C-alpha atoms as a PDB file:
ATOM      1  CA  UNK A   1     -76.210-219.564  96.177  1.00  0.00           C
ATOM      2  CA  UNK A   2     -79.674-218.676  94.980  1.00  0.00           C
ATOM      3  CA  UNK A   3     -80.964-220.572  92.125  1.00  0.00           C
ATOM      4  CA  UNK A   4     -82.682-219.056  89.162  1.00  0.00           C
ATOM      5  CA  UNK A   5     -86.316-219.828  89.568  1.00  0.00           C
ATOM      6  CA  UNK A   6     -85.852-218.104  93.482  1.00  0.00           C
ATOM      7  CA  UNK A   7     -84.289-215.279  92.109  1.00  0.00           C
ATOM      8  CA  UNK A   8     -87.059-214.753  89.517  1.00  0.00           C
ATOM      9  CA  UNK A   9     -89.753-215.316  92.406  1.00  0.00           C
ATOM     10  CA  UNK A  10     -88.089-212.439  94.746  1.00  0.00           C
ATOM     11  CA  UNK A  11     -87.741-210.217  91.848  1.00  0.00           C
ATOM     12  CA  UNK A  12     -91.465-210.593  91.149  1.00  0.00           C
ATOM     13  CA  UNK A  13     -92.310-210.224  94.744  1.00  0.00           C
ATOM     14  CA  UNK A  14     -90.224-207.031  94.748  1.00  0.00           C
ATOM     15  CA  UNK A  15     -92.043-205.592  91.635  1.00  0.00           C
ATOM     16  CA  UNK A  16     -95.297-206.526  92.855  1.00  0.00           C
ATOM     17  CA  UNK A  17     -95.459-205.973  96.426  1.00  0.00           C
ATOM     18  CA  UNK A  18     -92.542-204.226  98.217  1.00  0.00           C
ATOM     19  CA  UNK A  19     -91.571-201.426  95.578  1.00  0.00           C
ATOM     20  CA  UNK A  20     -95.335-200.616  94.920  1.00  0.00           C
ATOM     21  CA  UNK A  21     -95.740-200.371  98.948  1.00  0.00           C
ATOM     22  CA  UNK A  22     -92.414-197.807  99.159  1.00  0.00           C
ATOM     23  CA  UNK A  23     -93.752-195.843  96.488  1.00  0.00           C
ATOM     24  CA  UNK A  24     -97.244-195.547  97.672  1.00  0.00           C
ATOM     25  CA  UNK A  25     -95.886-194.425 101.324  1.00  0.00           C
ATOM     26  CA  UNK A  26     -93.501-191.904 100.026  1.00  0.00           C
ATOM     27  CA  UNK A  27     -96.101-190.370  97.790  1.00  0.00           C
ATOM     28  CA  UNK A  28     -99.059-190.145 100.138  1.00  0.00           C
ATOM     29  CA  UNK A  29     -96.539-188.348 103.048  1.00  0.00           C
ATOM     30  CA  UNK A  30     -96.103-185.482 100.390  1.00  0.00           C
ATOM     31  CA  UNK A  31     -98.442-182.611 101.424  1.00  0.00           C
ATOM     32  CA  UNK A  32     -99.339-181.243  97.722  1.00  0.00           C
ATOM     33  CA  UNK A  33    -101.460-178.304  98.772  1.00  0.00           C
ATOM     34  CA  UNK A  34     -98.585-176.642 100.568  1.00  0.00           C
ATOM     35  CA  UNK A  35     -95.533-178.332  98.764  1.00  0.00           C
ATOM     36  CA  UNK A  36     -95.999-177.266  95.370  1.00  0.00           C
ATOM     37  CA  UNK A  37     -93.591-175.394  92.682  1.00  0.00           C
ATOM     38  CA  UNK A  38     -94.686-175.329  89.045  1.00  0.00           C
ATOM     39  CA  UNK A  39     -91.488-174.101  88.094  1.00  0.00           C
ATOM     40  CA  UNK A  40     -89.606-176.901  89.682  1.00  0.00           C
ATOM     41  CA  UNK A  41     -91.850-179.671  88.528  1.00  0.00           C
ATOM     42  CA  UNK A  42     -92.253-178.499  85.016  1.00  0.00           C
ATOM     43  CA  UNK A  43     -88.318-178.173  84.725  1.00  0.00           C
ATOM     44  CA  UNK A  44     -87.798-181.636  86.291  1.00  0.00           C
ATOM     45  CA  UNK A  45     -90.416-183.247  83.945  1.00  0.00           C
ATOM     46  CA  UNK A  46     -89.072-181.556  80.991  1.00  0.00           C
ATOM     47  CA  UNK A  47     -85.746-182.388  81.701  1.00  0.00           C
ATOM     48  CA  UNK A  48     -86.427-186.087  81.966  1.00  0.00           C
ATOM     49  CA  UNK A  49     -88.089-186.037  78.462  1.00  0.00           C
ATOM     50  CA  UNK A  50     -85.233-184.086  77.116  1.00  0.00           C
ATOM     51  CA  UNK A  51     -82.827-186.576  78.288  1.00  0.00           C
ATOM     52  CA  UNK A  52     -84.733-189.388  77.306  1.00  0.00           C
ATOM     53  CA  UNK A  53     -85.157-188.283  73.884  1.00  0.00           C
ATOM     54  CA  UNK A  54     -81.505-187.086  73.604  1.00  0.00           C
ATOM     55  CA  UNK A  55     -80.474-190.712  74.700  1.00  0.00           C
ATOM     56  CA  UNK A  56     -82.957-192.506  72.463  1.00  0.00           C
ATOM     57  CA  UNK A  57     -81.674-190.493  69.210  1.00  0.00           C
ATOM     58  CA  UNK A  58     -77.946-190.600  69.982  1.00  0.00           C
ATOM     59  CA  UNK A  59     -77.919-194.308  71.255  1.00  0.00           C
ATOM     60  CA  UNK A  60     -80.352-195.011  68.241  1.00  0.00           C
ATOM     61  CA  UNK A  61     -77.655-193.906  65.852  1.00  0.00           C
ATOM     62  CA  UNK A  62     -75.327-196.480  67.032  1.00  0.00           C
ATOM     63  CA  UNK A  63     -77.117-199.114  68.493  1.00  0.00           C
ATOM     64  CA  UNK A  64     -79.055-201.212  66.224  1.00  0.00           C
ATOM     65  CA  UNK A  65     -80.542-203.876  67.957  1.00  0.00           C
ATOM     66  CA  UNK A  66     -83.763-202.946  69.701  1.00  0.00           C
ATOM     67  CA  UNK A  67     -83.548-204.872  72.595  1.00  0.00           C
ATOM     68  CA  UNK A  68     -80.201-203.407  73.365  1.00  0.00           C
ATOM     69  CA  UNK A  69     -81.127-200.114  72.561  1.00  0.00           C
ATOM     70  CA  UNK A  70     -84.181-200.320  75.126  1.00  0.00           C
ATOM     71  CA  UNK A  71     -81.597-201.902  77.909  1.00  0.00           C
ATOM     72  CA  UNK A  72     -79.145-198.954  77.377  1.00  0.00           C
ATOM     73  CA  UNK A  73     -81.515-195.842  77.238  1.00  0.00           C
ATOM     74  CA  UNK A  74     -83.212-197.498  80.276  1.00  0.00           C
ATOM     75  CA  UNK A  75     -80.038-197.476  82.559  1.00  0.00           C
ATOM     76  CA  UNK A  76     -79.087-194.246  81.155  1.00  0.00           C
ATOM     77  CA  UNK A  77     -82.085-192.138  82.004  1.00  0.00           C
ATOM     78  CA  UNK A  78     -83.660-193.527  85.067  1.00  0.00           C
ATOM     79  CA  UNK A  79     -81.964-192.883  88.388  1.00  0.00           C
ATOM     80  CA  UNK A  80     -82.461-194.033  91.885  1.00  0.00           C
ATOM     81  CA  UNK A  81     -84.524-190.886  93.336  1.00  0.00           C
ATOM     82  CA  UNK A  82     -87.255-192.806  95.213  1.00  0.00           C
ATOM     83  CA  UNK A  83     -84.786-194.245  97.379  1.00  0.00           C
ATOM     84  CA  UNK A  84     -82.075-191.724  97.696  1.00  0.00           C
ATOM     85  CA  UNK A  85     -83.902-188.261  97.114  1.00  0.00           C
ATOM     86  CA  UNK A  86     -84.942-187.775 100.777  1.00  0.00           C
ATOM     87  CA  UNK A  87     -81.933-189.211 102.631  1.00  0.00           C
ATOM     88  CA  UNK A  88     -79.508-187.053 100.386  1.00  0.00           C
ATOM     89  CA  UNK A  89     -81.845-184.079 100.573  1.00  0.00           C
ATOM     90  CA  UNK A  90     -81.987-184.084 104.411  1.00  0.00           C
ATOM     91  CA  UNK A  91     -78.266-184.326 104.670  1.00  0.00           C
ATOM     92  CA  UNK A  92     -77.762-181.588 102.429  1.00  0.00           C
ATOM     93  CA  UNK A  93     -80.445-179.207 103.318  1.00  0.00           C
ATOM     94  CA  UNK A  94     -82.369-180.392 106.038  1.00  0.00           C
ATOM     95  CA  UNK A  95     -86.076-180.252 106.511  1.00  0.00           C
ATOM     96  CA  UNK A  96     -86.296-177.781 103.894  1.00  0.00           C
ATOM     97  CA  UNK A  97     -84.669-180.098 101.551  1.00  0.00           C
ATOM     98  CA  UNK A  98     -86.634-183.011 102.361  1.00  0.00           C
ATOM     99  CA  UNK A  99     -89.945-180.796 101.476  1.00  0.00           C
ATOM    100  CA  UNK A 100     -88.636-179.973  98.195  1.00  0.00           C
ATOM    101  CA  UNK A 101     -87.406-183.271  97.268  1.00  0.00           C
ATOM    102  CA  UNK A 102     -90.646-184.608  98.192  1.00  0.00           C
ATOM    103  CA  UNK A 103     -92.465-183.000  95.486  1.00  0.00           C
ATOM    104  CA  UNK A 104     -90.283-184.564  92.501  1.00  0.00           C
ATOM    105  CA  UNK A 105     -91.249-188.139  93.796  1.00  0.00           C
ATOM    106  CA  UNK A 106     -94.373-188.391  91.756  1.00  0.00           C
ATOM    107  CA  UNK A 107     -92.823-186.293  88.842  1.00  0.00           C
ATOM    108  CA  UNK A 108     -89.873-188.864  88.561  1.00  0.00           C
ATOM    109  CA  UNK A 109     -92.127-191.919  89.232  1.00  0.00           C
ATOM    110  CA  UNK A 110     -94.849-191.453  86.677  1.00  0.00           C
ATOM    111  CA  UNK A 111     -92.559-190.391  83.761  1.00  0.00           C
ATOM    112  CA  UNK A 112     -89.717-192.985  84.553  1.00  0.00           C
ATOM    113  CA  UNK A 113     -92.305-195.903  84.559  1.00  0.00           C
ATOM    114  CA  UNK A 114     -94.206-194.935  81.439  1.00  0.00           C
ATOM    115  CA  UNK A 115     -90.990-194.236  79.578  1.00  0.00           C
ATOM    116  CA  UNK A 116     -89.450-197.546  80.545  1.00  0.00           C
ATOM    117  CA  UNK A 117     -92.548-199.191  79.556  1.00  0.00           C
ATOM    118  CA  UNK A 118     -92.414-197.462  76.060  1.00  0.00           C
ATOM    119  CA  UNK A 119     -88.980-198.751  75.590  1.00  0.00           C
ATOM    120  CA  UNK A 120     -89.763-202.282  76.754  1.00  0.00           C
ATOM    121  CA  UNK A 121     -92.522-202.184  74.044  1.00  0.00           C
ATOM    122  CA  UNK A 122     -90.089-200.902  71.404  1.00  0.00           C
ATOM    123  CA  UNK A 123     -87.856-203.945  72.576  1.00  0.00           C
ATOM    124  CA  UNK A 124     -91.105-206.536  72.001  1.00  0.00           C
ATOM    125  CA  UNK A 125     -92.269-204.875  68.970  1.00  0.00           C
ATOM    126  CA  UNK A 126     -91.777-206.343  65.271  1.00  0.00           C
ATOM    127  CA  UNK A 127     -89.345-204.420  62.733  1.00  0.00           C
ATOM    128  CA  UNK A 128     -92.289-202.115  61.181  1.00  0.00           C
ATOM    129  CA  UNK A 129     -94.739-201.632  64.106  1.00  0.00           C
ATOM    130  CA  UNK A 130     -96.360-198.161  63.823  1.00  0.00           C
ATOM    131  CA  UNK A 131     -96.135-195.542  66.771  1.00  0.00           C
ATOM    132  CA  UNK A 132     -99.622-195.878  67.393  1.00  0.00           C
ATOM    133  CA  UNK A 133     -99.404-199.608  67.789  1.00  0.00           C
ATOM    134  CA  UNK A 134     -96.216-199.017  70.349  1.00  0.00           C
ATOM    135  CA  UNK A 135     -98.148-196.516  72.509  1.00  0.00           C
ATOM    136  CA  UNK A 136    -101.398-198.860  72.517  1.00  0.00           C
ATOM    137  CA  UNK A 137     -98.731-201.616  74.074  1.00  0.00           C
ATOM    138  CA  UNK A 138     -97.172-198.896  76.301  1.00  0.00           C
ATOM    139  CA  UNK A 139    -100.590-198.124  77.807  1.00  0.00           C
ATOM    140  CA  UNK A 140    -101.585-201.511  78.191  1.00  0.00           C
ATOM    141  CA  UNK A 141     -98.529-202.103  80.362  1.00  0.00           C
ATOM    142  CA  UNK A 142     -98.730-198.761  82.285  1.00  0.00           C
ATOM    143  CA  UNK A 143    -102.215-199.656  83.301  1.00  0.00           C
ATOM    144  CA  UNK A 144    -101.192-203.031  84.854  1.00  0.00           C
ATOM    145  CA  UNK A 145     -97.822-201.849  86.363  1.00  0.00           C
ATOM    146  CA  UNK A 146     -97.734-201.829  90.151  1.00  0.00           C
ATOM    147  CA  UNK A 147     -95.413-198.875  90.440  1.00  0.00           C
ATOM    148  CA  UNK A 148     -97.491-196.568  88.480  1.00  0.00           C
ATOM    149  CA  UNK A 149    -100.736-197.929  90.348  1.00  0.00           C
ATOM    150  CA  UNK A 150     -98.915-197.156  93.701  1.00  0.00           C
ATOM    151  CA  UNK A 151     -98.179-193.576  92.411  1.00  0.00           C
ATOM    152  CA  UNK A 152    -101.804-192.821  91.519  1.00  0.00           C
ATOM    153  CA  UNK A 153    -102.882-194.119  94.900  1.00  0.00           C
ATOM    154  CA  UNK A 154    -100.447-192.538  96.592  1.00  0.00           C
ATOM    155  CA  UNK A 155    -101.375-189.122  95.135  1.00  0.00           C
ATOM    156  CA  UNK A 156    -105.276-189.798  95.970  1.00  0.00           C
ATOM    157  CA  UNK A 157    -104.290-190.610  99.517  1.00  0.00           C
ATOM    158  CA  UNK A 158    -102.200-187.386  99.946  1.00  0.00           C
ATOM    159  CA  UNK A 159    -104.857-185.187  98.465  1.00  0.00           C
ATOM    160  CA  UNK A 160    -107.578-186.395 100.768  1.00  0.00           C
ATOM    161  CA  UNK A 161    -105.427-186.545 103.622  1.00  0.00           C
ATOM    162  CA  UNK A 162    -106.493-190.392 104.064  1.00  0.00           C
ATOM    163  CA  UNK A 163    -105.033-192.036 107.392  1.00  0.00           C
ATOM    164  CA  UNK A 164    -104.856-195.761 107.951  1.00  0.00           C
ATOM    165  CA  UNK A 165    -105.853-197.493 111.104  1.00  0.00           C
ATOM    166  CA  UNK A 166    -102.418-197.913 113.252  1.00  0.00           C
ATOM    167  CA  UNK A 167    -101.936-201.641 112.769  1.00  0.00           C
ATOM    168  CA  UNK A 168    -102.356-201.131 108.927  1.00  0.00           C
ATOM    169  CA  UNK A 169    -100.157-198.011 108.952  1.00  0.00           C
ATOM    170  CA  UNK A 170     -97.535-199.974 110.672  1.00  0.00           C
ATOM    171  CA  UNK A 171     -97.848-202.952 108.329  1.00  0.00           C
ATOM    172  CA  UNK A 172     -97.456-200.567 105.224  1.00  0.00           C
ATOM    173  CA  UNK A 173     -94.370-199.092 106.862  1.00  0.00           C
ATOM    174  CA  UNK A 174     -92.784-202.235 107.381  1.00  0.00           C
ATOM    175  CA  UNK A 175     -93.374-203.469 104.039  1.00  0.00           C
ATOM    176  CA  UNK A 176     -92.038-200.860 102.327  1.00  0.00           C
ATOM    177  CA  UNK A 177     -88.942-200.728 104.684  1.00  0.00           C
ATOM    178  CA  UNK A 178     -88.215-204.190 103.281  1.00  0.00           C
ATOM    179  CA  UNK A 179     -87.934-202.857  99.651  1.00  0.00           C
ATOM    180  CA  UNK A 180     -84.551-201.391  99.547  1.00  0.00           C
ATOM    181  CA  UNK A 181     -82.777-204.329 101.247  1.00  0.00           C
ATOM    182  CA  UNK A 182     -84.643-207.098  99.443  1.00  0.00           C
ATOM    183  CA  UNK A 183     -83.857-205.262  96.151  1.00  0.00           C
ATOM    184  CA  UNK A 184     -80.075-205.321  96.795  1.00  0.00           C
ATOM    185  CA  UNK A 185     -80.099-209.134  97.583  1.00  0.00           C
ATOM    186  CA  UNK A 186     -82.181-209.716  94.292  1.00  0.00           C
ATOM    187  CA  UNK A 187     -79.722-207.341  92.411  1.00  0.00           C
ATOM    188  CA  UNK A 188     -76.892-209.426  93.924  1.00  0.00           C
ATOM    189  CA  UNK A 189     -78.789-212.920  92.252  1.00  0.00           C
ATOM    190  CA  UNK A 190     -79.089-211.384  89.007  1.00  0.00           C
ATOM    191  CA  UNK A 191     -75.326-210.401  88.153  1.00  0.00           C
ATOM    192  CA  UNK A 192     -73.403-213.034  86.377  1.00  0.00           C
ATOM    193  CA  UNK A 193     -70.107-211.889  85.494  1.00  0.00           C
ATOM    194  CA  UNK A 194     -68.991-214.892  83.507  1.00  0.00           C
ATOM    195  CA  UNK A 195     -72.196-214.478  81.315  1.00  0.00           C
ATOM    196  CA  UNK A 196     -71.767-210.793  80.602  1.00  0.00           C
ATOM    197  CA  UNK A 197     -67.841-210.473  80.167  1.00  0.00           C
ATOM    198  CA  UNK A 198     -68.406-209.856  76.465  1.00  0.00           C
ATOM    199  CA  UNK A 199     -70.475-206.602  77.267  1.00  0.00           C
ATOM    200  CA  UNK A 200     -68.171-205.218  79.831  1.00  0.00           C
ATOM    201  CA  UNK A 201     -67.413-202.228  77.696  1.00  0.00           C
ATOM    202  CA  UNK A 202     -71.156-201.355  77.384  1.00  0.00           C
ATOM    203  CA  UNK A 203     -71.507-201.855  81.060  1.00  0.00           C
ATOM    204  CA  UNK A 204     -68.895-199.412  81.858  1.00  0.00           C
ATOM    205  CA  UNK A 205     -69.788-196.714  79.144  1.00  0.00           C
ATOM    206  CA  UNK A 206     -73.397-196.828  80.596  1.00  0.00           C
ATOM    207  CA  UNK A 207     -72.252-196.430  83.971  1.00  0.00           C
ATOM    208  CA  UNK A 208     -70.071-193.345  83.169  1.00  0.00           C
ATOM    209  CA  UNK A 209     -73.152-191.990  80.999  1.00  0.00           C
ATOM    210  CA  UNK A 210     -75.459-192.296  84.094  1.00  0.00           C
ATOM    211  CA  UNK A 211     -72.844-191.335  86.625  1.00  0.00           C
ATOM    212  CA  UNK A 212     -70.606-188.482  84.533  1.00  0.00           C
ATOM    213  CA  UNK A 213     -72.232-187.305  81.270  1.00  0.00           C
ATOM    214  CA  UNK A 214     -75.828-186.964  82.309  1.00  0.00           C
ATOM    215  CA  UNK A 215     -75.191-184.728  85.197  1.00  0.00           C
ATOM    216  CA  UNK A 216     -72.491-182.876  83.582  1.00  0.00           C
ATOM    217  CA  UNK A 217     -74.877-181.849  80.530  1.00  0.00           C
ATOM    218  CA  UNK A 218     -78.191-181.594  82.469  1.00  0.00           C
ATOM    219  CA  UNK A 219     -77.037-179.645  85.496  1.00  0.00           C
ATOM    220  CA  UNK A 220     -75.353-176.338  84.100  1.00  0.00           C
ATOM    221  CA  UNK A 221     -78.900-176.202  82.372  1.00  0.00           C
ATOM    222  CA  UNK A 222     -80.809-175.837  85.576  1.00  0.00           C
ATOM    223  CA  UNK A 223     -78.103-173.859  87.070  1.00  0.00           C
ATOM    224  CA  UNK A 224     -78.546-171.367  83.652  1.00  0.00           C
ATOM    225  CA  UNK A 225     -82.221-171.195  84.592  1.00  0.00           C
ATOM    226  CA  UNK A 226     -81.771-170.147  88.078  1.00  0.00           C
ATOM    227  CA  UNK A 227     -82.193-172.971  90.407  1.00  0.00           C
ATOM    228  CA  UNK A 228     -80.214-172.606  93.599  1.00  0.00           C
ATOM    229  CA  UNK A 229     -80.117-174.211  96.745  1.00  0.00           C
ATOM    230  CA  UNK A 230     -82.343-177.182  97.976  1.00  0.00           C
ATOM    231  CA  UNK A 231     -84.312-176.961  94.711  1.00  0.00           C
ATOM    232  CA  UNK A 232     -81.009-177.462  92.788  1.00  0.00           C
ATOM    233  CA  UNK A 233     -80.085-180.208  95.264  1.00  0.00           C
ATOM    234  CA  UNK A 234     -83.244-181.914  94.405  1.00  0.00           C
ATOM    235  CA  UNK A 235     -82.562-181.757  90.744  1.00  0.00           C
ATOM    236  CA  UNK A 236     -79.023-182.990  91.501  1.00  0.00           C
ATOM    237  CA  UNK A 237     -80.209-186.033  93.144  1.00  0.00           C
ATOM    238  CA  UNK A 238     -82.734-186.610  90.275  1.00  0.00           C
ATOM    239  CA  UNK A 239     -79.932-186.611  87.494  1.00  0.00           C
ATOM    240  CA  UNK A 240     -76.990-187.517  89.099  1.00  0.00           C
ATOM    241  CA  UNK A 241     -77.775-190.375  91.390  1.00  0.00           C
ATOM    242  CA  UNK A 242     -77.092-194.038  90.561  1.00  0.00           C
ATOM    243  CA  UNK A 243     -79.191-196.403  88.131  1.00  0.00           C
ATOM    244  CA  UNK A 244     -82.430-197.233  90.276  1.00  0.00           C
ATOM    245  CA  UNK A 245     -82.813-200.849  91.791  1.00  0.00           C
ATOM    246  CA  UNK A 246     -85.995-200.874  90.051  1.00  0.00           C
ATOM    247  CA  UNK A 247     -84.340-201.092  86.879  1.00  0.00           C
ATOM    248  CA  UNK A 248     -83.020-204.393  87.386  1.00  0.00           C
ATOM    249  CA  UNK A 249     -86.349-205.686  88.835  1.00  0.00           C
ATOM    250  CA  UNK A 250     -88.156-204.282  85.840  1.00  0.00           C
ATOM    251  CA  UNK A 251     -85.576-205.780  83.391  1.00  0.00           C
ATOM    252  CA  UNK A 252     -86.202-209.232  84.882  1.00  0.00           C
ATOM    253  CA  UNK A 253     -89.931-208.822  84.989  1.00  0.00           C
ATOM    254  CA  UNK A 254     -90.076-207.912  81.046  1.00  0.00           C
ATOM    255  CA  UNK A 255     -86.904-209.820  80.227  1.00  0.00           C
ATOM    256  CA  UNK A 256     -85.105-206.825  78.462  1.00  0.00           C
ATOM    257  CA  UNK A 257     -81.572-207.542  79.173  1.00  0.00           C
ATOM    258  CA  UNK A 258     -81.787-208.386  82.850  1.00  0.00           C
ATOM    259  CA  UNK A 259     -78.122-209.127  83.517  1.00  0.00           C
ATOM    260  CA  UNK A 260     -76.659-206.272  81.893  1.00  0.00           C
ATOM    261  CA  UNK A 261     -79.074-204.118  83.908  1.00  0.00           C
ATOM    262  CA  UNK A 262     -78.152-205.517  87.075  1.00  0.00           C
ATOM    263  CA  UNK A 263     -74.666-205.140  86.409  1.00  0.00           C
ATOM    264  CA  UNK A 264     -74.909-201.407  85.728  1.00  0.00           C
ATOM    265  CA  UNK A 265     -77.086-200.897  88.761  1.00  0.00           C
ATOM    266  CA  UNK A 266     -74.271-202.326  90.934  1.00  0.00           C
ATOM    267  CA  UNK A 267     -71.505-200.582  88.918  1.00  0.00           C
ATOM    268  CA  UNK A 268     -73.330-196.922  89.385  1.00  0.00           C
ATOM    269  CA  UNK A 269     -74.327-197.803  92.817  1.00  0.00           C
ATOM    270  CA  UNK A 270     -70.831-198.753  93.827  1.00  0.00           C
ATOM    271  CA  UNK A 271     -69.074-195.262  92.308  1.00  0.00           C
ATOM    272  CA  UNK A 272     -72.075-192.982  93.165  1.00  0.00           C
ATOM    273  CA  UNK A 273     -70.450-192.210  96.349  1.00  0.00           C
ATOM    274  CA  UNK A 274     -67.359-190.706  94.732  1.00  0.00           C
ATOM    275  CA  UNK A 275     -69.338-189.062  91.692  1.00  0.00           C
ATOM    276  CA  UNK A 276     -71.893-187.491  94.252  1.00  0.00           C
ATOM    277  CA  UNK A 277     -69.120-186.158  96.714  1.00  0.00           C
ATOM    278  CA  UNK A 278     -67.429-184.324  93.763  1.00  0.00           C
ATOM    279  CA  UNK A 279     -70.616-183.047  92.750  1.00  0.00           C
ATOM    280  CA  UNK A 280     -71.747-181.576  95.784  1.00  0.00           C
ATOM    281  CA  UNK A 281     -68.363-180.518  96.466  1.00  0.00           C
ATOM    282  CA  UNK A 282     -68.121-178.400  93.020  1.00  0.00           C
ATOM    283  CA  UNK A 283     -71.524-176.886  93.381  1.00  0.00           C
ATOM    284  CA  UNK A 284     -70.965-175.568  96.852  1.00  0.00           C
ATOM    285  CA  UNK A 285     -67.619-174.476  96.029  1.00  0.00           C
ATOM    286  CA  UNK A 286     -69.258-172.323  93.057  1.00  0.00           C
ATOM    287  CA  UNK A 287     -71.736-171.084  95.588  1.00  0.00           C
ATOM    288  CA  UNK A 288     -74.795-172.920  93.840  1.00  0.00           C
ATOM    289  CA  UNK A 289     -75.672-174.622  97.090  1.00  0.00           C
END
């Protein structure tokens, strides 16, 4: 077994090194000059903001504890797009799907991380903290967040077509390749069923929210807006994929219900194969793909 201290160190390593390198690698591979759809990018960005706001308002009316509210909204709105977006898009639509799905990586990464840090600032705040103070605290966290720094550097590297020497390129790819496996290992070390059995209902409810309620509400909106084919496929992955592994890593780093978050990540990952299959089947049967 892995003790608590080792688990924390592995989590910090993922948060500060492996996940940022993976994010940087994914974003620098995008050709922003040719792969750019303002309509898709704007719709995805506004969709994330709308989902976040809706969850904050709905859950805020029933969850009064700020830390629990932050944890529940966090796992409800943040999906595993970074790790699942490209593989699923390639399986569904080939290289065209990869090209379109890649456009949404920075669109997902920056809002996901900024809004997560805002939630964690809310969880840390005093009872009567002003909005300005919350934003100041959030911005302070943002400028020090390795994932956001990696995103910005990735965009810059892509725009200037920066290339690394072969030995550095290989090193970066190898470090990024470690991220998904090590994150799953860390996730397993964070789960403690004995400590979280009192909150099993909340774990199940937020897992259903992430995998069922969110896509059922969001995808018809994008269909009504006229999205079809690979673009709808990218939006499907963005809003219907399981809770991101990085949720558990960040929850541990900022100490906002890490065990609860890890359990939601594990449960949504376990059942996402079934819900994704049903979703793709229905969209294809209705000829939206």
